[in-house]
Protein backbone atom coordinates (compact mmCIF):
# COMPACT_ATOMS: atom_id res chain seq x y z
CA MET A 1 5.63 -6.05 7.81
CA SER A 2 1.93 -5.45 7.62
CA ASN A 3 0.29 -3.49 10.34
CA GLU A 4 -3.34 -2.67 10.38
CA MET A 5 -3.10 -0.15 13.19
CA ILE A 6 -1.02 2.13 11.01
CA GLU A 7 -3.83 1.48 8.58
CA PHE A 8 -6.45 2.55 11.38
CA ILE A 9 -4.39 5.38 12.48
CA THR A 10 -3.58 7.00 9.15
CA LYS A 11 -6.44 6.11 6.91
CA SER A 12 -9.62 5.91 9.19
CA SER A 13 -11.74 8.99 9.19
CA LEU A 14 -13.00 10.84 12.11
CA TYR A 15 -15.02 8.75 14.63
CA SER A 16 -13.85 5.52 13.11
CA SER A 17 -13.55 2.45 16.11
CA MET A 18 -11.10 -0.29 16.19
CA LYS A 19 -11.40 -3.21 18.85
CA ILE A 20 -8.12 -3.72 20.45
CA ARG A 21 -7.15 -7.43 21.35
CA ASP A 22 -3.78 -9.14 21.55
CA PRO A 23 -2.86 -8.32 17.61
CA GLU A 24 -3.73 -4.84 17.83
CA ILE A 25 -1.73 -4.64 21.13
CA LYS A 26 1.32 -6.25 19.42
CA GLN A 27 1.02 -4.32 16.43
CA LEU A 28 0.70 -1.16 18.64
CA LEU A 29 4.02 -1.85 20.61
CA GLN A 30 5.75 -2.50 17.09
CA ILE A 31 5.52 1.03 16.69
CA TYR A 32 6.33 2.13 19.67
CA ASP A 33 9.75 -0.04 19.09
CA LYS A 34 10.06 1.64 15.79
CA GLU A 35 9.88 -1.35 14.28
CA SER A 36 6.85 -0.38 11.76
CA ARG A 37 7.79 2.81 9.19
CA PHE A 38 4.97 3.96 6.65
CA GLU A 39 5.01 5.80 3.76
CA LEU A 40 2.92 9.24 3.66
CA PHE A 41 2.76 12.48 2.04
CA CYS A 42 4.52 14.99 4.06
CA ALA A 43 2.83 18.21 3.50
CA GLU A 44 5.20 20.55 4.66
CA CYS A 45 7.81 18.56 2.54
CA ARG A 46 5.05 18.68 -0.23
CA ASP A 47 6.40 14.89 -0.94
CA LYS A 48 5.90 11.19 0.10
CA LYS A 49 8.03 10.77 3.02
CA VAL A 50 8.80 7.89 5.67
CA PHE A 51 7.35 8.15 8.99
CA ILE A 52 8.62 6.96 12.30
CA TYR A 53 7.14 7.19 15.66
CA ASP A 54 8.13 9.94 17.85
CA CYS A 55 5.94 10.07 21.33
CA GLY A 56 2.63 9.68 22.91
CA LEU A 57 2.94 6.24 24.82
CA ASN A 58 5.10 6.84 27.58
CA ASN A 59 7.52 4.10 29.12
CA VAL A 60 5.07 3.13 32.27
CA LYS A 61 1.87 2.22 29.34
CA ALA A 62 4.10 0.51 27.06
CA THR A 63 5.51 -1.82 29.95
CA ASN A 64 2.20 -2.54 31.16
CA LEU A 65 0.91 -3.28 27.80
CA LYS A 66 4.06 -5.87 26.96
CA ASN A 67 3.28 -7.66 30.53
CA LYS A 68 -0.18 -8.04 29.55
CA ILE A 69 0.19 -9.98 26.16
CA SER A 70 2.82 -11.77 27.82
CA SER A 71 0.62 -12.95 30.32
CA VAL A 72 -0.55 -16.61 29.49
CA GLY A 73 -3.97 -16.24 31.12
CA LEU A 74 -4.40 -13.50 28.66
CA LEU A 75 -3.90 -15.66 25.89
CA THR A 76 -7.12 -17.98 26.68
CA SER A 77 -10.00 -16.66 24.86
CA MET A 78 -12.54 -16.25 27.80
CA SER A 79 -9.90 -14.57 29.94
CA TYR A 80 -9.25 -12.14 27.40
CA GLN A 81 -12.91 -11.26 26.73
CA GLU A 82 -12.54 -10.23 30.10
CA ASP A 83 -9.75 -8.34 30.33
CA ARG A 84 -9.72 -4.78 28.70
CA PRO A 85 -5.89 -4.02 27.75
CA LEU A 86 -6.21 -0.25 27.54
CA ASP A 87 -7.69 -0.37 31.03
CA GLU A 88 -5.06 2.36 32.43
CA MET A 89 -5.88 4.73 29.37
CA ASP A 90 -8.80 6.97 28.73
CA HIS A 91 -7.16 8.45 25.51
CA LEU A 92 -4.21 7.35 23.60
CA TYR A 93 -2.22 9.98 21.24
CA LEU A 94 0.32 9.14 19.21
CA ARG A 95 2.97 11.51 16.90
CA PHE A 96 5.44 10.31 14.35
CA ASN A 97 8.57 12.17 12.54
CA CYS A 98 9.12 12.70 9.17
CA SER A 99 12.47 11.16 8.13
CA LEU A 100 13.62 13.97 6.28
CA ASP A 101 12.85 16.52 8.78
CA GLU A 102 12.25 15.86 12.18
CA SER A 103 10.48 18.90 12.89
CA HIS A 104 7.40 17.65 10.30
CA LYS A 105 4.57 15.70 12.42
CA LEU A 106 1.75 14.07 12.30
CA GLU A 107 -0.46 13.56 15.32
CA TYR A 108 -3.56 11.45 15.87
CA PHE A 109 -5.60 11.32 18.96
CA PHE A 110 -7.89 8.55 20.03
CA ALA A 111 -10.79 8.52 22.76
CA VAL A 112 -10.49 4.93 24.36
CA LYS A 113 -13.60 3.43 24.92
CA GLY A 114 -13.78 -0.09 26.53
CA ASP A 115 -12.22 -2.08 24.35
CA SER A 116 -11.99 -0.10 21.54
CA ILE A 117 -10.29 3.18 20.16
CA ILE A 118 -12.36 5.75 18.36
CA LYS A 119 -10.44 8.54 16.43
CA VAL A 120 -11.01 11.69 17.45
CA GLY A 121 -8.92 13.96 15.57
CA GLN A 122 -5.44 14.66 13.83
CA TYR A 123 -2.91 17.19 12.51
CA PRO A 124 -2.58 17.89 9.79
CA SER A 125 -6.00 16.61 8.81
CA SER A 126 -6.53 13.90 5.87
CA ALA A 127 -7.81 16.58 3.64
CA ASP A 128 -4.56 18.54 4.46
CA ILE A 129 -2.48 15.81 3.65
CA ASP A 130 -4.03 14.61 0.72
CA LEU A 131 -5.15 17.97 -1.12
CA PRO A 132 -1.39 19.23 -1.85
CA GLN A 133 -0.74 15.91 -3.93
CA ALA A 134 -4.79 16.38 -5.69
CA SER A 135 -3.71 19.96 -7.11
CA ARG A 136 -1.13 18.44 -9.96
CA TYR A 137 -4.41 16.84 -11.20
CA SER A 138 -6.25 20.28 -12.00
CA SER A 139 -4.98 20.78 -15.46
CA ILE A 140 -6.77 17.41 -16.12
CA LEU A 141 -9.57 17.70 -14.11
CA GLY A 142 -10.22 20.97 -14.42
CA LYS A 143 -11.63 23.79 -11.95
CA GLN A 144 -14.85 22.17 -11.36
CA TYR A 145 -14.13 18.48 -11.11
CA TYR A 146 -10.65 19.36 -9.44
CA SER A 147 -13.37 21.06 -6.66
CA GLU A 148 -15.09 17.81 -6.47
CA LEU A 149 -11.83 15.85 -5.80
CA LYS A 150 -10.80 18.25 -2.88
CA ARG A 151 -14.76 17.89 -1.78
CA SER A 152 -14.51 14.18 -1.86
CA ILE A 153 -11.33 13.78 0.18
CA GLY A 154 -12.60 16.74 2.75
CA LEU A 155 -16.04 14.52 3.09
CA HIS A 156 -14.35 11.24 3.83
CA SER A 157 -12.12 13.18 6.29
CA HIS A 158 -15.33 14.44 8.27
CA GLY A 159 -16.84 11.05 8.44
CA VAL A 160 -19.51 11.04 5.44
CA GLY A 161 -18.80 8.27 3.26
CA ILE A 162 -21.82 7.90 0.52
CA GLY A 163 -21.36 12.14 -0.05
CA SER A 164 -17.79 10.79 -0.86
CA PHE A 165 -18.70 8.44 -3.14
CA VAL A 166 -20.63 10.77 -5.18
CA TYR A 167 -17.80 13.14 -5.79
CA LEU A 168 -15.60 9.62 -6.80
CA ARG A 169 -17.79 8.93 -9.34
CA ARG A 170 -18.45 11.63 -11.11
CA ILE A 171 -14.59 12.02 -11.43
CA ILE A 172 -14.32 8.66 -13.15
CA GLU A 173 -17.43 9.43 -15.70
CA LYS A 174 -15.65 12.69 -16.27
CA LEU A 175 -11.95 10.72 -17.15
CA VAL A 176 -14.60 8.07 -19.17
CA TYR A 177 -16.10 10.72 -21.34
CA ASP A 178 -12.64 13.04 -21.90
CA THR A 179 -10.98 9.89 -23.07
CA PHE A 180 -13.47 8.87 -25.47
CA LYS A 181 -13.27 12.34 -27.29
CA GLU A 182 -9.45 11.71 -27.58
CA ALA A 183 -10.44 7.86 -29.10
CA GLU A 184 -12.91 9.94 -31.43
CA VAL A 185 -10.37 12.17 -32.66
CA ALA A 186 -8.04 9.53 -33.13
CA GLY A 187 -10.73 8.03 -35.30
CA ALA A 188 -10.35 4.67 -33.19
CA LEU A 189 -14.02 4.36 -31.75
CA THR A 190 -17.57 5.87 -33.19
CA GLU A 191 -20.15 7.36 -30.50
CA GLN A 192 -22.49 4.96 -31.37
CA GLN A 193 -19.68 2.20 -30.70
CA PHE A 194 -18.95 4.09 -27.44
CA GLU A 195 -22.95 4.34 -26.70
CA TYR A 196 -24.13 1.46 -27.94
CA GLN A 197 -23.85 -2.53 -28.28
CA ASP A 198 -24.31 -4.23 -31.84
CA ASN A 199 -28.03 -4.15 -31.32
CA VAL A 200 -28.34 -0.51 -31.15
CA ARG A 201 -31.11 -0.51 -29.16
CA HIS A 202 -29.00 -1.95 -25.85
CA ARG A 203 -27.03 0.89 -24.33
CA ASN A 204 -23.55 0.20 -22.95
CA GLY A 205 -22.90 0.57 -19.51
CA MET A 206 -19.91 2.28 -18.06
CA GLU A 207 -17.77 -0.79 -17.59
CA GLU A 208 -18.40 -1.73 -21.09
CA LYS A 209 -17.29 1.80 -21.98
CA ILE A 210 -14.60 1.63 -19.89
CA LYS A 211 -13.21 -1.48 -21.73
CA LEU A 212 -14.05 -0.01 -25.12
CA LEU A 213 -11.37 2.52 -24.19
CA LYS A 214 -8.40 -0.03 -23.71
CA GLY A 215 -5.27 1.58 -25.01
CA PHE A 216 -6.52 5.12 -24.63
CA LEU A 217 -7.32 4.81 -20.16
CA PRO A 218 -4.64 3.66 -18.05
CA ASP A 219 -4.76 -0.12 -17.86
CA LEU A 220 -5.65 0.13 -14.07
CA ILE A 221 -8.96 0.74 -14.57
CA THR A 222 -9.52 -0.88 -18.11
CA ASP A 223 -8.61 -4.05 -16.36
CA HIS A 224 -10.48 -3.18 -13.31
CA PRO A 225 -13.68 -1.56 -14.68
CA LYS A 226 -15.63 -2.68 -11.99
CA ILE A 227 -14.13 0.24 -9.89
CA TYR A 228 -17.19 2.21 -11.25
CA GLY A 229 -19.85 -0.45 -10.09
CA VAL A 230 -18.40 -0.21 -6.06
CA VAL A 231 -18.38 3.34 -6.51
CA SER A 232 -21.61 3.46 -8.08
CA LYS A 233 -23.00 0.78 -5.44
CA GLY A 234 -21.50 2.64 -2.65
CA ILE A 235 -24.35 5.61 -3.59
CA HIS A 236 -26.86 3.41 -3.81
CA GLU A 237 -26.54 0.41 -1.27
CA LEU A 238 -23.71 0.47 0.73
CA THR A 239 -23.88 2.13 4.08
CA GLU A 240 -22.10 4.92 5.84
CA GLU A 241 -19.69 2.39 7.63
CA GLU A 242 -18.84 0.50 4.67
CA CYS A 243 -18.68 3.65 2.27
CA LEU A 244 -15.75 4.92 4.86
CA GLU A 245 -13.86 1.73 4.97
CA TYR A 246 -13.58 1.32 1.29
CA PHE A 247 -13.20 5.03 0.56
CA PRO A 248 -9.21 4.86 0.59
CA VAL A 249 -8.65 2.18 -1.58
CA LEU A 250 -10.99 3.64 -4.63
CA LYS A 251 -9.44 7.12 -3.86
CA ASP A 252 -6.03 5.66 -4.13
CA GLY A 253 -7.02 4.19 -7.51
CA ILE A 254 -8.34 6.98 -8.70
CA VAL A 255 -5.08 8.51 -7.82
CA MET A 256 -3.22 6.31 -9.72
CA ILE A 257 -4.96 6.50 -12.85
CA LEU A 258 -4.60 10.28 -12.75
CA ASP A 259 -1.10 9.82 -12.11
CA ASP A 260 -0.51 7.62 -14.99
CA ILE A 261 -2.74 10.05 -17.37
CA VAL A 262 -0.23 12.94 -15.71
CA ALA A 263 2.71 11.13 -17.13
CA LYS A 264 1.34 10.14 -20.13
CA LYS A 265 1.01 14.23 -20.44
CA GLU A 266 4.01 14.92 -19.41
CA LYS A 267 6.14 12.27 -21.77
CA GLU A 268 4.01 13.94 -24.63
CA ARG A 269 5.16 17.37 -23.57
CA ALA A 270 8.24 16.54 -23.20
CA ALA A 271 8.68 14.61 -26.67
CA ALA A 272 6.73 17.81 -28.50
CA GLU A 273 9.57 19.89 -26.85
CA TYR A 274 12.44 17.22 -28.17
CA LYS A 275 11.16 17.33 -31.56
CA LYS A 276 10.68 21.32 -31.73
CA SER A 277 14.68 21.73 -30.35
CA LEU A 278 15.71 19.23 -33.01
CA ASN A 279 13.72 20.53 -35.95
CA GLY A 280 15.40 23.55 -34.57
CA ILE A 281 19.30 22.11 -34.89
CA LEU A 282 18.34 20.61 -38.36
CA SER A 283 17.03 23.78 -40.10
CA LYS A 284 20.49 25.42 -38.87
CA MET A 285 21.87 22.55 -40.37
CA LYS A 286 20.57 23.25 -43.67
């Protein structure tokens, strides 16, 4: 079940705000009634786990919210605009349990301002949740770019949008140029083909270069090369707020690309180990 409240609670950066109307109240109550669950990286399990609501909204507040959305008068647009569904609250606190170990918690804190909630804190931080996952990419990215991935996640978690995009773009560029070197060694692509179109005076843009690496880069990026264009546009044209909003989707895309590369390298390593072991057996049988 789609729940935009959960998306906002778990993925928005600090000081992001969300207007609370009838749909959001219903989604909040779904969370309270434990009807909505979500999967997120558990920093203590060091793996993705399902989380479920634990506490934060007391029974009185939840009952008041249920009464509000059941009132016929509040469902008309005029009366609803005049009403503030969170009038009784000056803050909102939500805590969730890891389904594997209930002692593992996620906590989120919100200030209530009129008809909106503003994210003012969480524990563990977004960076704490994302960075343990990022460590598995260090062998691919190298020390410098691994640090830049961490910096990008950290900047977003502290409400810096455009700056976080700068590092995402650098990571994409590194993956593209590293992969070109592999394709060049394999004899699939020359530097001139990679850098220029048929007219040698016209250079390939990054999206064209990504398309040329189909079969070497994961399909996710070669089928959707505009991911680079979105990141680049974010640096030059989008607002801080737009970059903050779009960052989770773009970051998740880059993580999936890295996951594919890791899986490919692990498969190649396993195949090499198998071949070595098999050759050892065959040599003994001669």
